[in-house]
Amino acid sequence: MVSIVVMTLIVGVRYLAVSGAFAWLTRLRHRGLYAGLDPQIRREIGWSLASAFIYGAPAGLLAWGWQEHGWTQVYTDAGDYPLWWLPASVPVYLFAHDSWFYWTHRLMHRPAMFRIAHAVHHASRPPTAWAAMSFHPWEAITGAVVIPALVLTIPIHVAALGLVLAVMTVMGVTNHMGWEMFPRALVAGRAGNWLITASHHQRHHQQYGCNYGLYFRFWDRLCGTDRGLGDFTRRAPDRASGAVRGAERAGGAW
């Protein structure tokens, strides 16, 4: 189906453009941060482009179904729903996505699931701006279904949906690029107590069994899995087998 091919290309090009832009910015701001990581970056790009098809296929199918059959709850006329819902739908979608991500992410840290799928993502040690979509196909499927499920059930204006997708893309990249782009006043302030940035997600990649959220720290705080902010001190990449064993030990505790 043409729409699936087109959407896959859009997802792939979006990934290359956004990750490439932040990788370029990283090289300008922190020269040498990715030194010696070229083989890892090539793997990240390969897995991410494979994930682009897995994300693009259901999105393309629903885009076609929306246009041809009205399958989804996406609307284009702001008057179709109360005007207050247009901006309110964005945090609703982000919270629903964050909730799905938190619990599926914890599932991915169970020993069996880690070995089968999530080890691919954590093979990026340290992660780079190219690692945002570096997933095993089984893990990519868990991420690819959530937005399609939401647009089938919760009304959202097409512009608000575009904003949700932009936030999802940018946060996925910036949380992995190995340095903090947001000001210290935000990260260490009241907003940073509830919003996830690279500093929070960095600790997840350092310790594994904590900081599972995507946008918000709500579920981590509620479930006792919030371990605060990490640091960006470069460490030599662990051997893969040791990393897997450490992740299984850390991820096995719920």
C-alpha atoms as a PDB file:
ATOM      1  CA  MET A   1       0.000   0.000   0.000  1.00  0.00           C
ATOM      2  CA  VAL A   2       1.353   3.383  -1.058  1.00  0.00           C
ATOM      3  CA  SER A   3       0.486   5.108   2.217  1.00  0.00           C
ATOM      4  CA  ILE A   4       2.566   2.570   4.183  1.00  0.00           C
ATOM      5  CA  VAL A   5       5.581   3.160   1.951  1.00  0.00           C
ATOM      6  CA  VAL A   6       5.167   6.929   2.163  1.00  0.00           C
ATOM      7  CA  MET A   7       4.767   6.920   5.941  1.00  0.00           C
ATOM      8  CA  THR A   8       7.781   4.632   6.369  1.00  0.00           C
ATOM      9  CA  LEU A   9       9.847   7.057   4.310  1.00  0.00           C
ATOM     10  CA  ILE A  10       8.551   9.977   6.382  1.00  0.00           C
ATOM     11  CA  VAL A  11       9.456   8.249   9.655  1.00  0.00           C
ATOM     12  CA  GLY A  12      12.887   7.258   8.335  1.00  0.00           C
ATOM     13  CA  VAL A  13      13.708  10.695   6.942  1.00  0.00           C
ATOM     14  CA  ARG A  14      12.424  12.365  10.123  1.00  0.00           C
ATOM     15  CA  TYR A  15      14.707  10.156  12.192  1.00  0.00           C
ATOM     16  CA  LEU A  16      17.744  10.871  10.004  1.00  0.00           C
ATOM     17  CA  ALA A  17      17.025  14.615   9.987  1.00  0.00           C
ATOM     18  CA  VAL A  18      16.377  15.072  13.714  1.00  0.00           C
ATOM     19  CA  SER A  19      19.017  12.663  15.004  1.00  0.00           C
ATOM     20  CA  GLY A  20      21.471  14.004  12.439  1.00  0.00           C
ATOM     21  CA  ALA A  21      20.800  17.591  13.497  1.00  0.00           C
ATOM     22  CA  PHE A  22      21.358  16.852  17.184  1.00  0.00           C
ATOM     23  CA  ALA A  23      24.423  14.719  16.412  1.00  0.00           C
ATOM     24  CA  TRP A  24      25.835  17.685  14.472  1.00  0.00           C
ATOM     25  CA  LEU A  25      24.993  20.010  17.375  1.00  0.00           C
ATOM     26  CA  THR A  26      26.742  17.590  19.738  1.00  0.00           C
ATOM     27  CA  ARG A  27      29.894  17.684  17.633  1.00  0.00           C
ATOM     28  CA  LEU A  28      29.806  21.484  17.767  1.00  0.00           C
ATOM     29  CA  ARG A  29      29.110  21.777  21.494  1.00  0.00           C
ATOM     30  CA  HIS A  30      31.024  18.745  22.806  1.00  0.00           C
ATOM     31  CA  ARG A  31      33.800  17.852  20.409  1.00  0.00           C
ATOM     32  CA  GLY A  32      35.022  14.321  20.834  1.00  0.00           C
ATOM     33  CA  LEU A  33      31.998  13.119  22.801  1.00  0.00           C
ATOM     34  CA  TYR A  34      31.232  10.481  20.171  1.00  0.00           C
ATOM     35  CA  ALA A  35      34.884   9.724  19.420  1.00  0.00           C
ATOM     36  CA  GLY A  36      35.472   6.024  18.793  1.00  0.00           C
ATOM     37  CA  LEU A  37      31.743   5.276  18.575  1.00  0.00           C
ATOM     38  CA  ASP A  38      31.415   5.042  14.793  1.00  0.00           C
ATOM     39  CA  PRO A  39      30.714   1.245  14.759  1.00  0.00           C
ATOM     40  CA  GLN A  40      28.073   1.716  17.480  1.00  0.00           C
ATOM     41  CA  ILE A  41      26.484   4.624  15.601  1.00  0.00           C
ATOM     42  CA  ARG A  42      26.263   2.530  12.434  1.00  0.00           C
ATOM     43  CA  ARG A  43      24.433  -0.164  14.419  1.00  0.00           C
ATOM     44  CA  GLU A  44      22.101   2.449  15.928  1.00  0.00           C
ATOM     45  CA  ILE A  45      21.234   3.796  12.487  1.00  0.00           C
ATOM     46  CA  GLY A  46      20.645   0.293  11.117  1.00  0.00           C
ATOM     47  CA  TRP A  47      18.288  -0.743  13.918  1.00  0.00           C
ATOM     48  CA  SER A  48      16.532   2.639  13.765  1.00  0.00           C
ATOM     49  CA  LEU A  49      15.833   2.418  10.042  1.00  0.00           C
ATOM     50  CA  ALA A  50      14.398  -1.066  10.579  1.00  0.00           C
ATOM     51  CA  SER A  51      12.207   0.426  13.312  1.00  0.00           C
ATOM     52  CA  ALA A  52      11.073   3.111  10.856  1.00  0.00           C
ATOM     53  CA  PHE A  53       9.158   0.477   8.879  1.00  0.00           C
ATOM     54  CA  ILE A  54       7.573  -0.951  12.034  1.00  0.00           C
ATOM     55  CA  TYR A  55       6.438   2.529  13.082  1.00  0.00           C
ATOM     56  CA  GLY A  56       5.492   3.575   9.570  1.00  0.00           C
ATOM     57  CA  ALA A  57       3.362   0.551   8.601  1.00  0.00           C
ATOM     58  CA  PRO A  58       0.514   0.997  11.125  1.00  0.00           C
ATOM     59  CA  ALA A  59       0.720   4.790  10.776  1.00  0.00           C
ATOM     60  CA  GLY A  60       0.385   4.520   7.011  1.00  0.00           C
ATOM     61  CA  LEU A  61      -2.511   2.091   7.273  1.00  0.00           C
ATOM     62  CA  LEU A  62      -4.375   4.399   9.646  1.00  0.00           C
ATOM     63  CA  ALA A  63      -3.613   7.473   7.539  1.00  0.00           C
ATOM     64  CA  TRP A  64      -5.255   5.704   4.613  1.00  0.00           C
ATOM     65  CA  GLY A  65      -8.162   4.539   6.753  1.00  0.00           C
ATOM     66  CA  TRP A  66      -8.656   8.057   8.122  1.00  0.00           C
ATOM     67  CA  GLN A  67      -8.784   9.603   4.660  1.00  0.00           C
ATOM     68  CA  GLU A  68     -10.837   6.902   2.968  1.00  0.00           C
ATOM     69  CA  HIS A  69     -13.062   5.524   5.713  1.00  0.00           C
ATOM     70  CA  GLY A  70     -12.871   7.863   8.729  1.00  0.00           C
ATOM     71  CA  TRP A  71     -11.444   5.144  10.960  1.00  0.00           C
ATOM     72  CA  THR A  72      -9.736   7.426  13.463  1.00  0.00           C
ATOM     73  CA  GLN A  73     -10.781  10.151  15.892  1.00  0.00           C
ATOM     74  CA  VAL A  74      -8.478  12.693  14.224  1.00  0.00           C
ATOM     75  CA  TYR A  75     -10.373  15.829  13.168  1.00  0.00           C
ATOM     76  CA  THR A  76      -9.472  18.902  11.113  1.00  0.00           C
ATOM     77  CA  ASP A  77     -12.233  21.377  12.050  1.00  0.00           C
ATOM     78  CA  ALA A  78     -11.423  22.977  15.431  1.00  0.00           C
ATOM     79  CA  GLY A  79     -15.150  23.507  15.960  1.00  0.00           C
ATOM     80  CA  ASP A  80     -15.883  19.776  16.026  1.00  0.00           C
ATOM     81  CA  TYR A  81     -15.035  19.664  19.744  1.00  0.00           C
ATOM     82  CA  PRO A  82     -14.857  22.333  22.477  1.00  0.00           C
ATOM     83  CA  LEU A  83     -11.938  24.653  21.832  1.00  0.00           C
ATOM     84  CA  TRP A  84     -10.424  23.917  25.259  1.00  0.00           C
ATOM     85  CA  TRP A  85      -9.973  20.301  24.178  1.00  0.00           C
ATOM     86  CA  LEU A  86      -7.575  21.226  21.351  1.00  0.00           C
ATOM     87  CA  PRO A  87      -4.696  22.232  23.699  1.00  0.00           C
ATOM     88  CA  ALA A  88      -5.804  19.840  26.460  1.00  0.00           C
ATOM     89  CA  SER A  89      -5.560  16.828  24.161  1.00  0.00           C
ATOM     90  CA  VAL A  90      -1.780  17.251  23.893  1.00  0.00           C
ATOM     91  CA  PRO A  91      -0.938  16.558  27.575  1.00  0.00           C
ATOM     92  CA  VAL A  92      -3.600  13.829  27.632  1.00  0.00           C
ATOM     93  CA  TYR A  93      -1.880  12.054  24.743  1.00  0.00           C
ATOM     94  CA  LEU A  94       1.566  12.597  26.228  1.00  0.00           C
ATOM     95  CA  PHE A  95       0.496  11.222  29.616  1.00  0.00           C
ATOM     96  CA  ALA A  96      -1.183   8.194  28.009  1.00  0.00           C
ATOM     97  CA  HIS A  97       1.930   7.547  25.902  1.00  0.00           C
ATOM     98  CA  ASP A  98       4.187   8.011  28.920  1.00  0.00           C
ATOM     99  CA  SER A  99       2.099   5.541  30.947  1.00  0.00           C
ATOM    100  CA  TRP A 100       2.263   2.906  28.213  1.00  0.00           C
ATOM    101  CA  PHE A 101       5.982   3.489  27.805  1.00  0.00           C
ATOM    102  CA  TYR A 102       6.714   3.230  31.530  1.00  0.00           C
ATOM    103  CA  TRP A 103       5.031  -0.150  31.986  1.00  0.00           C
ATOM    104  CA  THR A 104       6.218  -1.694  28.719  1.00  0.00           C
ATOM    105  CA  HIS A 105       9.722  -0.389  29.455  1.00  0.00           C
ATOM    106  CA  ARG A 106       9.686  -2.099  32.837  1.00  0.00           C
ATOM    107  CA  LEU A 107       8.505  -5.271  31.122  1.00  0.00           C
ATOM    108  CA  MET A 108      11.435  -4.988  28.729  1.00  0.00           C
ATOM    109  CA  HIS A 109      13.771  -5.071  31.725  1.00  0.00           C
ATOM    110  CA  ARG A 110      12.557  -8.466  32.866  1.00  0.00           C
ATOM    111  CA  PRO A 111      15.474 -10.856  32.246  1.00  0.00           C
ATOM    112  CA  ALA A 112      13.883 -12.850  29.425  1.00  0.00           C
ATOM    113  CA  MET A 113      12.562  -9.791  27.593  1.00  0.00           C
ATOM    114  CA  PHE A 114      15.858  -7.994  28.044  1.00  0.00           C
ATOM    115  CA  ARG A 115      17.795 -10.858  26.459  1.00  0.00           C
ATOM    116  CA  ILE A 116      15.304 -11.215  23.599  1.00  0.00           C
ATOM    117  CA  ALA A 117      14.805  -7.560  22.720  1.00  0.00           C
ATOM    118  CA  HIS A 118      15.832  -4.690  24.983  1.00  0.00           C
ATOM    119  CA  ALA A 119      19.536  -5.562  25.018  1.00  0.00           C
ATOM    120  CA  VAL A 120      19.724  -4.062  21.521  1.00  0.00           C
ATOM    121  CA  HIS A 121      18.878  -0.610  22.865  1.00  0.00           C
ATOM    122  CA  HIS A 122      21.204  -0.884  25.854  1.00  0.00           C
ATOM    123  CA  ALA A 123      24.059  -2.019  23.635  1.00  0.00           C
ATOM    124  CA  SER A 124      24.492   1.714  23.033  1.00  0.00           C
ATOM    125  CA  ARG A 125      26.996   2.427  25.770  1.00  0.00           C
ATOM    126  CA  PRO A 126      26.984   5.387  26.009  1.00  0.00           C
ATOM    127  CA  PRO A 127      23.880   6.223  23.932  1.00  0.00           C
ATOM    128  CA  THR A 128      24.136   8.835  21.205  1.00  0.00           C
ATOM    129  CA  ALA A 129      21.669  11.034  19.356  1.00  0.00           C
ATOM    130  CA  TRP A 130      21.309   8.199  16.833  1.00  0.00           C
ATOM    131  CA  ALA A 131      20.009   5.735  19.478  1.00  0.00           C
ATOM    132  CA  ALA A 132      16.476   7.151  19.803  1.00  0.00           C
ATOM    133  CA  MET A 133      14.892   4.436  17.631  1.00  0.00           C
ATOM    134  CA  SER A 134      17.554   1.768  18.007  1.00  0.00           C
ATOM    135  CA  PHE A 135      15.239  -1.091  18.996  1.00  0.00           C
ATOM    136  CA  HIS A 136      14.885  -4.780  18.329  1.00  0.00           C
ATOM    137  CA  PRO A 137      11.766  -5.322  16.170  1.00  0.00           C
ATOM    138  CA  TRP A 138       9.827  -6.845  19.073  1.00  0.00           C
ATOM    139  CA  GLU A 139      10.421  -3.740  21.152  1.00  0.00           C
ATOM    140  CA  ALA A 140       9.683  -1.450  18.212  1.00  0.00           C
ATOM    141  CA  ILE A 141       6.245  -3.076  17.918  1.00  0.00           C
ATOM    142  CA  THR A 142       5.393  -2.113  21.510  1.00  0.00           C
ATOM    143  CA  GLY A 143       6.248   1.483  20.690  1.00  0.00           C
ATOM    144  CA  ALA A 144       4.554   1.521  17.294  1.00  0.00           C
ATOM    145  CA  VAL A 145       1.073   0.550  18.502  1.00  0.00           C
ATOM    146  CA  VAL A 146       0.472   3.236  21.115  1.00  0.00           C
ATOM    147  CA  ILE A 147      -0.207   6.332  18.964  1.00  0.00           C
ATOM    148  CA  PRO A 148      -2.406   4.353  16.508  1.00  0.00           C
ATOM    149  CA  ALA A 149      -4.375   3.016  19.486  1.00  0.00           C
ATOM    150  CA  LEU A 150      -4.832   6.524  20.847  1.00  0.00           C
ATOM    151  CA  VAL A 151      -6.026   8.058  17.560  1.00  0.00           C
ATOM    152  CA  LEU A 152      -8.586   5.274  17.258  1.00  0.00           C
ATOM    153  CA  THR A 153     -10.071   6.054  20.656  1.00  0.00           C
ATOM    154  CA  ILE A 154      -9.363   9.660  21.765  1.00  0.00           C
ATOM    155  CA  PRO A 155     -10.279  12.661  19.568  1.00  0.00           C
ATOM    156  CA  ILE A 156      -7.405  14.939  18.597  1.00  0.00           C
ATOM    157  CA  HIS A 157      -7.025  17.790  16.131  1.00  0.00           C
ATOM    158  CA  VAL A 158      -4.529  17.093  13.365  1.00  0.00           C
ATOM    159  CA  ALA A 159      -2.360  20.046  14.490  1.00  0.00           C
ATOM    160  CA  ALA A 160      -2.315  18.798  18.087  1.00  0.00           C
ATOM    161  CA  LEU A 161      -1.344  15.344  16.835  1.00  0.00           C
ATOM    162  CA  GLY A 162       1.509  16.907  14.900  1.00  0.00           C
ATOM    163  CA  LEU A 163       2.713  18.591  18.097  1.00  0.00           C
ATOM    164  CA  VAL A 164       2.550  15.290  19.999  1.00  0.00           C
ATOM    165  CA  LEU A 165       4.629  13.586  17.301  1.00  0.00           C
ATOM    166  CA  ALA A 166       7.143  16.449  17.339  1.00  0.00           C
ATOM    167  CA  VAL A 167       7.551  16.237  21.124  1.00  0.00           C
ATOM    168  CA  MET A 168       7.899  12.440  20.902  1.00  0.00           C
ATOM    169  CA  THR A 169      10.603  12.732  18.239  1.00  0.00           C
ATOM    170  CA  VAL A 170      12.627  15.510  19.860  1.00  0.00           C
ATOM    171  CA  MET A 171      12.498  14.058  23.379  1.00  0.00           C
ATOM    172  CA  GLY A 172      13.437  10.613  22.109  1.00  0.00           C
ATOM    173  CA  VAL A 173      16.582  12.057  20.538  1.00  0.00           C
ATOM    174  CA  THR A 174      17.607  14.615  23.170  1.00  0.00           C
ATOM    175  CA  ASN A 175      17.196  12.149  26.034  1.00  0.00           C
ATOM    176  CA  HIS A 176      19.890   9.955  24.476  1.00  0.00           C
ATOM    177  CA  MET A 177      22.482  12.354  23.091  1.00  0.00           C
ATOM    178  CA  GLY A 178      24.830  12.231  26.081  1.00  0.00           C
ATOM    179  CA  TRP A 179      24.586  15.806  27.351  1.00  0.00           C
ATOM    180  CA  GLU A 180      21.963  18.136  28.780  1.00  0.00           C
ATOM    181  CA  MET A 181      20.640  20.804  26.424  1.00  0.00           C
ATOM    182  CA  PHE A 182      18.175  22.360  28.858  1.00  0.00           C
ATOM    183  CA  PRO A 183      19.301  24.989  31.395  1.00  0.00           C
ATOM    184  CA  ARG A 184      20.256  23.880  34.883  1.00  0.00           C
ATOM    185  CA  ALA A 185      17.505  26.097  36.348  1.00  0.00           C
ATOM    186  CA  LEU A 186      14.885  23.982  34.557  1.00  0.00           C
ATOM    187  CA  VAL A 187      16.472  20.570  35.098  1.00  0.00           C
ATOM    188  CA  ALA A 188      17.142  21.091  38.819  1.00  0.00           C
ATOM    189  CA  GLY A 189      14.077  23.238  39.459  1.00  0.00           C
ATOM    190  CA  ARG A 190      10.419  22.500  40.067  1.00  0.00           C
ATOM    191  CA  ALA A 191       9.739  21.654  36.425  1.00  0.00           C
ATOM    192  CA  GLY A 192      12.636  19.222  36.427  1.00  0.00           C
ATOM    193  CA  ASN A 193      11.098  17.406  39.372  1.00  0.00           C
ATOM    194  CA  TRP A 194       8.348  16.209  37.048  1.00  0.00           C
ATOM    195  CA  LEU A 195       9.717  16.447  33.512  1.00  0.00           C
ATOM    196  CA  ILE A 196      12.247  14.033  32.043  1.00  0.00           C
ATOM    197  CA  THR A 197      15.294  15.352  30.243  1.00  0.00           C
ATOM    198  CA  ALA A 198      18.614  13.777  29.269  1.00  0.00           C
ATOM    199  CA  SER A 199      19.935  14.074  32.840  1.00  0.00           C
ATOM    200  CA  HIS A 200      17.152  11.840  34.182  1.00  0.00           C
ATOM    201  CA  HIS A 201      17.321   9.275  31.380  1.00  0.00           C
ATOM    202  CA  GLN A 202      21.100   9.137  31.600  1.00  0.00           C
ATOM    203  CA  ARG A 203      20.817   7.456  34.997  1.00  0.00           C
ATOM    204  CA  HIS A 204      18.631   4.762  33.435  1.00  0.00           C
ATOM    205  CA  HIS A 205      21.402   3.950  30.968  1.00  0.00           C
ATOM    206  CA  GLN A 206      23.930   3.932  33.809  1.00  0.00           C
ATOM    207  CA  GLN A 207      21.987   1.828  36.342  1.00  0.00           C
ATOM    208  CA  TYR A 208      19.257   0.108  34.238  1.00  0.00           C
ATOM    209  CA  GLY A 209      16.735  -0.683  37.012  1.00  0.00           C
ATOM    210  CA  CYS A 210      15.341   2.827  37.448  1.00  0.00           C
ATOM    211  CA  ASN A 211      14.040   5.933  35.661  1.00  0.00           C
ATOM    212  CA  TYR A 212      11.782   4.161  33.176  1.00  0.00           C
ATOM    213  CA  GLY A 213       9.630   7.123  32.109  1.00  0.00           C
ATOM    214  CA  LEU A 214       9.603   8.951  28.787  1.00  0.00           C
ATOM    215  CA  TYR A 215       8.203  12.454  29.376  1.00  0.00           C
ATOM    216  CA  PHE A 216       7.205  12.646  33.024  1.00  0.00           C
ATOM    217  CA  ARG A 217       8.580  11.370  36.330  1.00  0.00           C
ATOM    218  CA  PHE A 218       5.068  10.643  37.674  1.00  0.00           C
ATOM    219  CA  TRP A 219       5.132   6.849  37.401  1.00  0.00           C
ATOM    220  CA  ASP A 220       8.744   6.580  38.541  1.00  0.00           C
ATOM    221  CA  ARG A 221       7.951   8.614  41.640  1.00  0.00           C
ATOM    222  CA  LEU A 222       4.712   6.751  42.337  1.00  0.00           C
ATOM    223  CA  CYS A 223       6.322   3.318  41.944  1.00  0.00           C
ATOM    224  CA  GLY A 224       9.594   4.104  43.718  1.00  0.00           C
ATOM    225  CA  THR A 225      11.773   3.700  40.626  1.00  0.00           C
ATOM    226  CA  ASP A 226      12.979   7.298  40.430  1.00  0.00           C
ATOM    227  CA  ARG A 227      16.701   7.527  41.224  1.00  0.00           C
ATOM    228  CA  GLY A 228      17.195  11.181  40.381  1.00  0.00           C
ATOM    229  CA  LEU A 229      19.550  12.661  37.818  1.00  0.00           C
ATOM    230  CA  GLY A 230      22.553  10.989  36.238  1.00  0.00           C
ATOM    231  CA  ASP A 231      25.863  12.445  35.133  1.00  0.00           C
ATOM    232  CA  PHE A 232      27.590  12.521  31.791  1.00  0.00           C
ATOM    233  CA  THR A 233      31.035  11.281  32.734  1.00  0.00           C
ATOM    234  CA  ARG A 234      32.272   9.100  29.889  1.00  0.00           C
ATOM    235  CA  ARG A 235      32.977   5.497  30.813  1.00  0.00           C
ATOM    236  CA  ALA A 236      34.516   2.812  28.664  1.00  0.00           C
ATOM    237  CA  PRO A 237      31.772   0.676  27.105  1.00  0.00           C
ATOM    238  CA  ASP A 238      31.174  -2.540  29.011  1.00  0.00           C
ATOM    239  CA  ARG A 239      31.543  -5.877  27.320  1.00  0.00           C
ATOM    240  CA  ALA A 240      28.153  -6.907  25.965  1.00  0.00           C
ATOM    241  CA  SER A 241      27.829 -10.031  28.104  1.00  0.00           C
ATOM    242  CA  GLY A 242      28.618  -8.130  31.274  1.00  0.00           C
ATOM    243  CA  ALA A 243      26.153  -5.424  30.361  1.00  0.00           C
ATOM    244  CA  VAL A 244      23.396  -7.972  29.849  1.00  0.00           C
ATOM    245  CA  ARG A 245      24.082  -9.680  33.168  1.00  0.00           C
ATOM    246  CA  GLY A 246      24.082  -6.351  34.972  1.00  0.00           C
ATOM    247  CA  ALA A 247      20.849  -5.314  33.310  1.00  0.00           C
ATOM    248  CA  GLU A 248      19.149  -8.566  34.210  1.00  0.00           C
ATOM    249  CA  ARG A 249      20.092  -8.128  37.855  1.00  0.00           C
ATOM    250  CA  ALA A 250      18.948  -4.511  37.888  1.00  0.00           C
ATOM    251  CA  GLY A 251      15.808  -5.063  35.822  1.00  0.00           C
ATOM    252  CA  GLY A 252      14.619  -8.139  37.638  1.00  0.00           C
ATOM    253  CA  ALA A 253      13.352  -6.216  40.656  1.00  0.00           C
ATOM    254  CA  TRP A 254       9.879  -4.792  40.318  1.00  0.00           C
END
